[in-house]
């Protein structure tokens, strides 16, 4: 809700200041998010571009989970 209110007021949305609480929020990810929330509608990505970004993030997340599970499996088998 706060994001929407800031967008309606044409205010910039600042990056969270707690990097330890959001370690997966890389600069690249934040830049993509920031583009989607831009007050300048012409700089926002198309729905197709946003969907491509979300799909790539989902695949990366699935790879991370799979890697974690693979490592845990190795540790249990050891």
PDB file of N, CA and C in Angstrom:
ATOM      1  N   UNK A   1       0.814  -1.186   0.000  1.00  0.00           N
ATOM      2  CA  UNK A   1       0.000   0.000   0.000  1.00  0.00           C
ATOM      3  C   UNK A   1       0.861   1.254   0.000  1.00  0.00           C
ATOM      4  N   UNK A   2       1.968   1.229   0.748  1.00  0.00           N
ATOM      5  CA  UNK A   2       2.847   2.387   0.793  1.00  0.00           C
ATOM      6  C   UNK A   2       3.446   2.696  -0.569  1.00  0.00           C
ATOM      7  N   UNK A   3       3.772   1.660  -1.333  1.00  0.00           N
ATOM      8  CA  UNK A   3       4.329   1.871  -2.665  1.00  0.00           C
ATOM      9  C   UNK A   3       3.308   2.587  -3.536  1.00  0.00           C
ATOM     10  N   UNK A   4       2.086   2.126  -3.534  1.00  0.00           N
ATOM     11  CA  UNK A   4       1.044   2.747  -4.337  1.00  0.00           C
ATOM     12  C   UNK A   4       0.836   4.202  -3.935  1.00  0.00           C
ATOM     13  N   UNK A   5       0.809   4.474  -2.650  1.00  0.00           N
ATOM     14  CA  UNK A   5       0.634   5.851  -2.181  1.00  0.00           C
ATOM     15  C   UNK A   5       1.774   6.736  -2.652  1.00  0.00           C
ATOM     16  N   UNK A   6       2.990   6.227  -2.592  1.00  0.00           N
ATOM     17  CA  UNK A   6       4.139   7.015  -3.050  1.00  0.00           C
ATOM     18  C   UNK A   6       4.071   7.247  -4.558  1.00  0.00           C
ATOM     19  N   UNK A   7       3.668   6.233  -5.306  1.00  0.00           N
ATOM     20  CA  UNK A   7       3.542   6.394  -6.748  1.00  0.00           C
ATOM     21  C   UNK A   7       2.489   7.449  -7.092  1.00  0.00           C
ATOM     22  N   UNK A   8       1.376   7.394  -6.390  1.00  0.00           N
ATOM     23  CA  UNK A   8       0.320   8.368  -6.652  1.00  0.00           C
ATOM     24  C   UNK A   8       0.766   9.794  -6.331  1.00  0.00           C
ATOM     25  N   UNK A   9       1.653   9.937  -5.360  1.00  0.00           N
ATOM     26  CA  UNK A   9       2.182  11.255  -4.992  1.00  0.00           C
ATOM     27  C   UNK A   9       3.418  11.615  -5.819  1.00  0.00           C
ATOM     28  N   UNK A  10       3.797  10.690  -6.742  1.00  0.00           N
ATOM     29  CA  UNK A  10       4.973  10.860  -7.599  1.00  0.00           C
ATOM     30  C   UNK A  10       6.258  10.981  -6.769  1.00  0.00           C
ATOM     31  N   UNK A  11       6.319  10.227  -5.664  1.00  0.00           N
ATOM     32  CA  UNK A  11       7.497  10.200  -4.807  1.00  0.00           C
ATOM     33  C   UNK A  11       8.364   8.998  -5.158  1.00  0.00           C
ATOM     34  N   UNK A  12       9.664   9.138  -4.972  1.00  0.00           N
ATOM     35  CA  UNK A  12      10.587   8.040  -5.227  1.00  0.00           C
ATOM     36  C   UNK A  12      10.496   7.012  -4.099  1.00  0.00           C
ATOM     37  N   UNK A  13      10.576   5.757  -4.469  1.00  0.00           N
ATOM     38  CA  UNK A  13      10.567   4.680  -3.484  1.00  0.00           C
ATOM     39  C   UNK A  13      12.016   4.314  -3.213  1.00  0.00           C
ATOM     40  N   UNK A  14      12.415   4.428  -1.982  1.00  0.00           N
ATOM     41  CA  UNK A  14      13.810   4.185  -1.617  1.00  0.00           C
ATOM     42  C   UNK A  14      14.047   2.721  -1.298  1.00  0.00           C
ATOM     43  N   UNK A  15      15.262   2.296  -1.577  1.00  0.00           N
ATOM     44  CA  UNK A  15      15.672   0.922  -1.295  1.00  0.00           C
ATOM     45  C   UNK A  15      15.715   0.696   0.218  1.00  0.00           C
ATOM     46  N   UNK A  16      15.297  -0.479   0.667  1.00  0.00           N
ATOM     47  CA  UNK A  16      15.371  -0.771   2.106  1.00  0.00           C
ATOM     48  C   UNK A  16      16.806  -0.602   2.618  1.00  0.00           C
ATOM     49  N   UNK A  17      16.929  -0.072   3.821  1.00  0.00           N
ATOM     50  CA  UNK A  17      18.253   0.191   4.387  1.00  0.00           C
ATOM     51  C   UNK A  17      18.758  -0.958   5.249  1.00  0.00           C
ATOM     52  N   UNK A  18      18.115  -2.104   5.181  1.00  0.00           N
ATOM     53  CA  UNK A  18      18.509  -3.253   5.986  1.00  0.00           C
ATOM     54  C   UNK A  18      19.039  -4.352   5.076  1.00  0.00           C
ATOM     55  N   UNK A  19      20.284  -4.237   4.593  1.00  0.00           N
ATOM     56  CA  UNK A  19      20.792  -5.255   3.664  1.00  0.00           C
ATOM     57  C   UNK A  19      20.832  -6.654   4.264  1.00  0.00           C
ATOM     58  N   UNK A  20      21.013  -6.754   5.583  1.00  0.00           N
ATOM     59  CA  UNK A  20      21.031  -8.078   6.218  1.00  0.00           C
ATOM     60  C   UNK A  20      19.648  -8.723   6.205  1.00  0.00           C
ATOM     61  N   UNK A  21      18.594  -7.900   6.145  1.00  0.00           N
ATOM     62  CA  UNK A  21      17.229  -8.430   6.139  1.00  0.00           C
ATOM     63  C   UNK A  21      16.784  -8.807   4.725  1.00  0.00           C
ATOM     64  N   UNK A  22      17.461  -8.263   3.727  1.00  0.00           N
ATOM     65  CA  UNK A  22      17.100  -8.537   2.337  1.00  0.00           C
ATOM     66  C   UNK A  22      18.352  -8.877   1.520  1.00  0.00           C
ATOM     67  N   UNK A  23      19.064  -9.944   1.868  1.00  0.00           N
ATOM     68  CA  UNK A  23      20.324 -10.252   1.183  1.00  0.00           C
ATOM     69  C   UNK A  23      20.150 -10.606  -0.289  1.00  0.00           C
ATOM     70  N   UNK A  24      18.975 -11.049  -0.680  1.00  0.00           N
ATOM     71  CA  UNK A  24      18.742 -11.409  -2.081  1.00  0.00           C
ATOM     72  C   UNK A  24      18.377 -10.219  -2.947  1.00  0.00           C
ATOM     73  N   UNK A  25      18.241  -9.058  -2.339  1.00  0.00           N
ATOM     74  CA  UNK A  25      17.892  -7.856  -3.097  1.00  0.00           C
ATOM     75  C   UNK A  25      19.176  -7.237  -3.641  1.00  0.00           C
ATOM     76  N   UNK A  26      19.659  -7.824  -4.728  1.00  0.00           N
ATOM     77  CA  UNK A  26      20.896  -7.363  -5.349  1.00  0.00           C
ATOM     78  C   UNK A  26      20.665  -6.029  -6.048  1.00  0.00           C
ATOM     79  N   UNK A  27      21.745  -5.383  -6.436  1.00  0.00           N
ATOM     80  CA  UNK A  27      21.620  -4.118  -7.171  1.00  0.00           C
ATOM     81  C   UNK A  27      20.833  -4.324  -8.461  1.00  0.00           C
ATOM     82  N   UNK A  28      21.111  -5.410  -9.162  1.00  0.00           N
ATOM     83  CA  UNK A  28      20.412  -5.684 -10.421  1.00  0.00           C
ATOM     84  C   UNK A  28      18.909  -5.848 -10.190  1.00  0.00           C
ATOM     85  N   UNK A  29      18.552  -6.591  -9.154  1.00  0.00           N
ATOM     86  CA  UNK A  29      17.129  -6.787  -8.856  1.00  0.00           C
ATOM     87  C   UNK A  29      16.473  -5.469  -8.441  1.00  0.00           C
ATOM     88  N   UNK A  30      17.161  -4.717  -7.595  1.00  0.00           N
ATOM     89  CA  UNK A  30      16.591  -3.445  -7.157  1.00  0.00           C
ATOM     90  C   UNK A  30      16.379  -2.516  -8.349  1.00  0.00           C
ATOM     91  N   UNK A  31      17.321  -2.484  -9.278  1.00  0.00           N
ATOM     92  CA  UNK A  31      17.174  -1.618 -10.447  1.00  0.00           C
ATOM     93  C   UNK A  31      15.959  -1.998 -11.285  1.00  0.00           C
ATOM     94  N   UNK A  32      15.714  -3.292 -11.416  1.00  0.00           N
ATOM     95  CA  UNK A  32      14.520  -3.742 -12.160  1.00  0.00           C
ATOM     96  C   UNK A  32      13.243  -3.346 -11.417  1.00  0.00           C
ATOM     97  N   UNK A  33      13.237  -3.547 -10.113  1.00  0.00           N
ATOM     98  CA  UNK A  33      12.061  -3.178  -9.307  1.00  0.00           C
ATOM     99  C   UNK A  33      11.823  -1.677  -9.406  1.00  0.00           C
ATOM    100  N   UNK A  34      12.911  -0.921  -9.285  1.00  0.00           N
ATOM    101  CA  UNK A  34      12.808   0.531  -9.334  1.00  0.00           C
ATOM    102  C   UNK A  34      12.236   1.004 -10.678  1.00  0.00           C
ATOM    103  N   UNK A  35      12.628   0.340 -11.752  1.00  0.00           N
ATOM    104  CA  UNK A  35      12.068   0.692 -13.061  1.00  0.00           C
ATOM    105  C   UNK A  35      10.556   0.474 -13.088  1.00  0.00           C
ATOM    106  N   UNK A  36      10.108  -0.630 -12.522  1.00  0.00           N
ATOM    107  CA  UNK A  36       8.670  -0.919 -12.501  1.00  0.00           C
ATOM    108  C   UNK A  36       7.899   0.109 -11.688  1.00  0.00           C
ATOM    109  N   UNK A  37       8.539   0.682 -10.680  1.00  0.00           N
ATOM    110  CA  UNK A  37       7.879   1.645  -9.808  1.00  0.00           C
ATOM    111  C   UNK A  37       8.152   3.094 -10.200  1.00  0.00           C
ATOM    112  N   UNK A  38       8.777   3.297 -11.325  1.00  0.00           N
ATOM    113  CA  UNK A  38       9.142   4.644 -11.742  1.00  0.00           C
ATOM    114  C   UNK A  38       7.916   5.558 -11.820  1.00  0.00           C
ATOM    115  N   UNK A  39       8.085   6.803 -11.350  1.00  0.00           N
ATOM    116  CA  UNK A  39       6.979   7.761 -11.454  1.00  0.00           C
ATOM    117  C   UNK A  39       6.796   8.201 -12.898  1.00  0.00           C
ATOM    118  N   UNK A  40       7.824   8.045 -13.713  1.00  0.00           N
ATOM    119  CA  UNK A  40       7.743   8.352 -15.140  1.00  0.00           C
ATOM    120  C   UNK A  40       7.265   7.096 -15.867  1.00  0.00           C
ATOM    121  N   UNK A  41       6.018   7.106 -16.247  1.00  0.00           N
ATOM    122  CA  UNK A  41       5.428   5.906 -16.857  1.00  0.00           C
ATOM    123  C   UNK A  41       6.137   5.476 -18.140  1.00  0.00           C
ATOM    124  N   UNK A  42       6.806   6.389 -18.811  1.00  0.00           N
ATOM    125  CA  UNK A  42       7.491   6.036 -20.059  1.00  0.00           C
ATOM    126  C   UNK A  42       8.754   5.216 -19.813  1.00  0.00           C
ATOM    127  N   UNK A  43       9.295   5.279 -18.604  1.00  0.00           N
ATOM    128  CA  UNK A  43      10.503   4.500 -18.320  1.00  0.00           C
ATOM    129  C   UNK A  43      10.188   3.130 -17.730  1.00  0.00           C
ATOM    130  N   UNK A  44       8.937   2.891 -17.418  1.00  0.00           N
ATOM    131  CA  UNK A  44       8.557   1.579 -16.874  1.00  0.00           C
ATOM    132  C   UNK A  44       8.635   0.523 -17.971  1.00  0.00           C
ATOM    133  N   UNK A  45       9.034  -0.697 -17.609  1.00  0.00           N
ATOM    134  CA  UNK A  45       9.079  -1.772 -18.614  1.00  0.00           C
ATOM    135  C   UNK A  45       7.662  -2.185 -19.024  1.00  0.00           C
ATOM    136  N   UNK A  46       7.594  -2.768 -20.189  1.00  0.00           N
ATOM    137  CA  UNK A  46       6.306  -3.289 -20.648  1.00  0.00           C
ATOM    138  C   UNK A  46       5.918  -4.477 -19.771  1.00  0.00           C
ATOM    139  N   UNK A  47       4.668  -4.876 -19.867  1.00  0.00           N
ATOM    140  CA  UNK A  47       4.211  -6.052 -19.113  1.00  0.00           C
ATOM    141  C   UNK A  47       5.002  -7.289 -19.533  1.00  0.00           C
ATOM    142  N   UNK A  48       5.317  -7.382 -20.800  1.00  0.00           N
ATOM    143  CA  UNK A  48       6.086  -8.520 -21.301  1.00  0.00           C
ATOM    144  C   UNK A  48       7.493  -8.537 -20.705  1.00  0.00           C
ATOM    145  N   UNK A  49       8.130  -7.375 -20.632  1.00  0.00           N
ATOM    146  CA  UNK A  49       9.475  -7.292 -20.050  1.00  0.00           C
ATOM    147  C   UNK A  49       9.435  -7.622 -18.558  1.00  0.00           C
ATOM    148  N   UNK A  50       8.423  -7.138 -17.875  1.00  0.00           N
ATOM    149  CA  UNK A  50       8.291  -7.428 -16.442  1.00  0.00           C
ATOM    150  C   UNK A  50       8.070  -8.920 -16.230  1.00  0.00           C
ATOM    151  N   UNK A  51       7.268  -9.525 -17.081  1.00  0.00           N
ATOM    152  CA  UNK A  51       7.004 -10.957 -16.969  1.00  0.00           C
ATOM    153  C   UNK A  51       8.273 -11.771 -17.222  1.00  0.00           C
ATOM    154  N   UNK A  52       9.060 -11.364 -18.199  1.00  0.00           N
ATOM    155  CA  UNK A  52      10.329 -12.047 -18.482  1.00  0.00           C
ATOM    156  C   UNK A  52      11.251 -11.968 -17.269  1.00  0.00           C
ATOM    157  N   UNK A  53      11.319 -10.797 -16.642  1.00  0.00           N
ATOM    158  CA  UNK A  53      12.140 -10.626 -15.441  1.00  0.00           C
ATOM    159  C   UNK A  53      11.642 -11.545 -14.325  1.00  0.00           C
ATOM    160  N   UNK A  54      10.333 -11.562 -14.093  1.00  0.00           N
ATOM    161  CA  UNK A  54       9.773 -12.401 -13.028  1.00  0.00           C
ATOM    162  C   UNK A  54      10.022 -13.882 -13.292  1.00  0.00           C
ATOM    163  N   UNK A  55       9.893 -14.296 -14.549  1.00  0.00           N
ATOM    164  CA  UNK A  55      10.152 -15.692 -14.898  1.00  0.00           C
ATOM    165  C   UNK A  55      11.614 -16.048 -14.633  1.00  0.00           C
ATOM    166  N   UNK A  56      12.529 -15.149 -14.990  1.00  0.00           N
ATOM    167  CA  UNK A  56      13.948 -15.435 -14.763  1.00  0.00           C
ATOM    168  C   UNK A  56      14.258 -15.492 -13.267  1.00  0.00           C
ATOM    169  N   UNK A  57      13.599 -14.638 -12.484  1.00  0.00           N
ATOM    170  CA  UNK A  57      13.787 -14.664 -11.036  1.00  0.00           C
ATOM    171  C   UNK A  57      13.242 -15.956 -10.442  1.00  0.00           C
ATOM    172  N   UNK A  58      12.118 -16.418 -10.935  1.00  0.00           N
ATOM    173  CA  UNK A  58      11.541 -17.673 -10.454  1.00  0.00           C
ATOM    174  C   UNK A  58      12.462 -18.846 -10.780  1.00  0.00           C
ATOM    175  N   UNK A  59      13.006 -18.862 -11.988  1.00  0.00           N
ATOM    176  CA  UNK A  59      13.939 -19.934 -12.355  1.00  0.00           C
ATOM    177  C   UNK A  59      15.189 -19.902 -11.483  1.00  0.00           C
ATOM    178  N   UNK A  60      15.690 -18.704 -11.211  1.00  0.00           N
ATOM    179  CA  UNK A  60      16.873 -18.575 -10.347  1.00  0.00           C
ATOM    180  C   UNK A  60      16.555 -19.066  -8.943  1.00  0.00           C
ATOM    181  N   UNK A  61      15.393 -18.732  -8.444  1.00  0.00           N
ATOM    182  CA  UNK A  61      14.983 -19.176  -7.116  1.00  0.00           C
ATOM    183  C   UNK A  61      14.869 -20.697  -7.061  1.00  0.00           C
ATOM    184  N   UNK A  62      14.282 -21.263  -8.109  1.00  0.00           N
ATOM    185  CA  UNK A  62      14.151 -22.718  -8.158  1.00  0.00           C
ATOM    186  C   UNK A  62      15.524 -23.385  -8.202  1.00  0.00           C
ATOM    187  N   UNK A  63      16.468 -22.794  -8.939  1.00  0.00           N
ATOM    188  CA  UNK A  63      17.829 -23.329  -8.986  1.00  0.00           C
ATOM    189  C   UNK A  63      18.483 -23.244  -7.611  1.00  0.00           C
ATOM    190  N   UNK A  64      18.272 -22.121  -6.911  1.00  0.00           N
ATOM    191  CA  UNK A  64      18.830 -21.960  -5.565  1.00  0.00           C
ATOM    192  C   UNK A  64      18.287 -23.014  -4.614  1.00  0.00           C
ATOM    193  N   UNK A  65      16.986 -23.245  -4.675  1.00  0.00           N
ATOM    194  CA  UNK A  65      16.361 -24.240  -3.799  1.00  0.00           C
ATOM    195  C   UNK A  65      16.891 -25.626  -4.137  1.00  0.00           C
ATOM    196  N   UNK A  66      16.970 -25.916  -5.423  1.00  0.00           N
ATOM    197  CA  UNK A  66      17.478 -27.225  -5.834  1.00  0.00           C
ATOM    198  C   UNK A  66      18.913 -27.422  -5.367  1.00  0.00           C
ATOM    199  N   UNK A  67      19.750 -26.395  -5.510  1.00  0.00           N
ATOM    200  CA  UNK A  67      21.139 -26.485  -5.065  1.00  0.00           C
ATOM    201  C   UNK A  67      21.215 -26.719  -3.565  1.00  0.00           C
ATOM    202  N   UNK A  68      20.375 -26.021  -2.816  1.00  0.00           N
ATOM    203  CA  UNK A  68      20.347 -26.178  -1.366  1.00  0.00           C
ATOM    204  C   UNK A  68      19.945 -27.594  -1.000  1.00  0.00           C
ATOM    205  N   UNK A  69      18.932 -28.108  -1.669  1.00  0.00           N
ATOM    206  CA  UNK A  69      18.482 -29.471  -1.383  1.00  0.00           C
ATOM    207  C   UNK A  69      19.553 -30.486  -1.758  1.00  0.00           C
ATOM    208  N   UNK A  70      20.239 -30.264  -2.882  1.00  0.00           N
ATOM    209  CA  UNK A  70      21.308 -31.175  -3.305  1.00  0.00           C
ATOM    210  C   UNK A  70      22.429 -31.198  -2.276  1.00  0.00           C
ATOM    211  N   UNK A  71      22.806 -30.038  -1.755  1.00  0.00           N
ATOM    212  CA  UNK A  71      23.871 -29.959  -0.754  1.00  0.00           C
ATOM    213  C   UNK A  71      23.435 -30.640   0.533  1.00  0.00           C
ATOM    214  N   UNK A  72      22.208 -30.404   0.959  1.00  0.00           N
ATOM    215  CA  UNK A  72      21.707 -31.058   2.179  1.00  0.00           C
ATOM    216  C   UNK A  72      21.715 -32.572   2.021  1.00  0.00           C
ATOM    217  N   UNK A  73      21.341 -33.022   0.843  1.00  0.00           N
ATOM    218  CA  UNK A  73      21.322 -34.468   0.568  1.00  0.00           C
ATOM    219  C   UNK A  73      22.726 -35.024   0.700  1.00  0.00           C
ATOM    220  N   UNK A  74      23.718 -34.315   0.169  1.00  0.00           N
ATOM    221  CA  UNK A  74      25.108 -34.767   0.277  1.00  0.00           C
ATOM    222  C   UNK A  74      25.563 -34.810   1.718  1.00  0.00           C
ATOM    223  N   UNK A  75      25.174 -33.810   2.494  1.00  0.00           N
ATOM    224  CA  UNK A  75      25.582 -33.760   3.900  1.00  0.00           C
ATOM    225  C   UNK A  75      24.955 -34.886   4.692  1.00  0.00           C
ATOM    226  N   UNK A  76      23.703 -35.207   4.402  1.00  0.00           N
ATOM    227  CA  UNK A  76      23.014 -36.289   5.116  1.00  0.00           C
ATOM    228  C   UNK A  76      23.647 -37.621   4.740  1.00  0.00           C
ATOM    229  N   UNK A  77      23.975 -37.789   3.470  1.00  0.00           N
ATOM    230  CA  UNK A  77      24.581 -39.049   3.027  1.00  0.00           C
ATOM    231  C   UNK A  77      25.998 -39.229   3.541  1.00  0.00           C
ATOM    232  N   UNK A  78      26.674 -38.152   3.881  1.00  0.00           N
ATOM    233  CA  UNK A  78      28.053 -38.233   4.338  1.00  0.00           C
ATOM    234  C   UNK A  78      28.081 -38.808   5.714  1.00  0.00           C
TER     235      UNK A  78
END
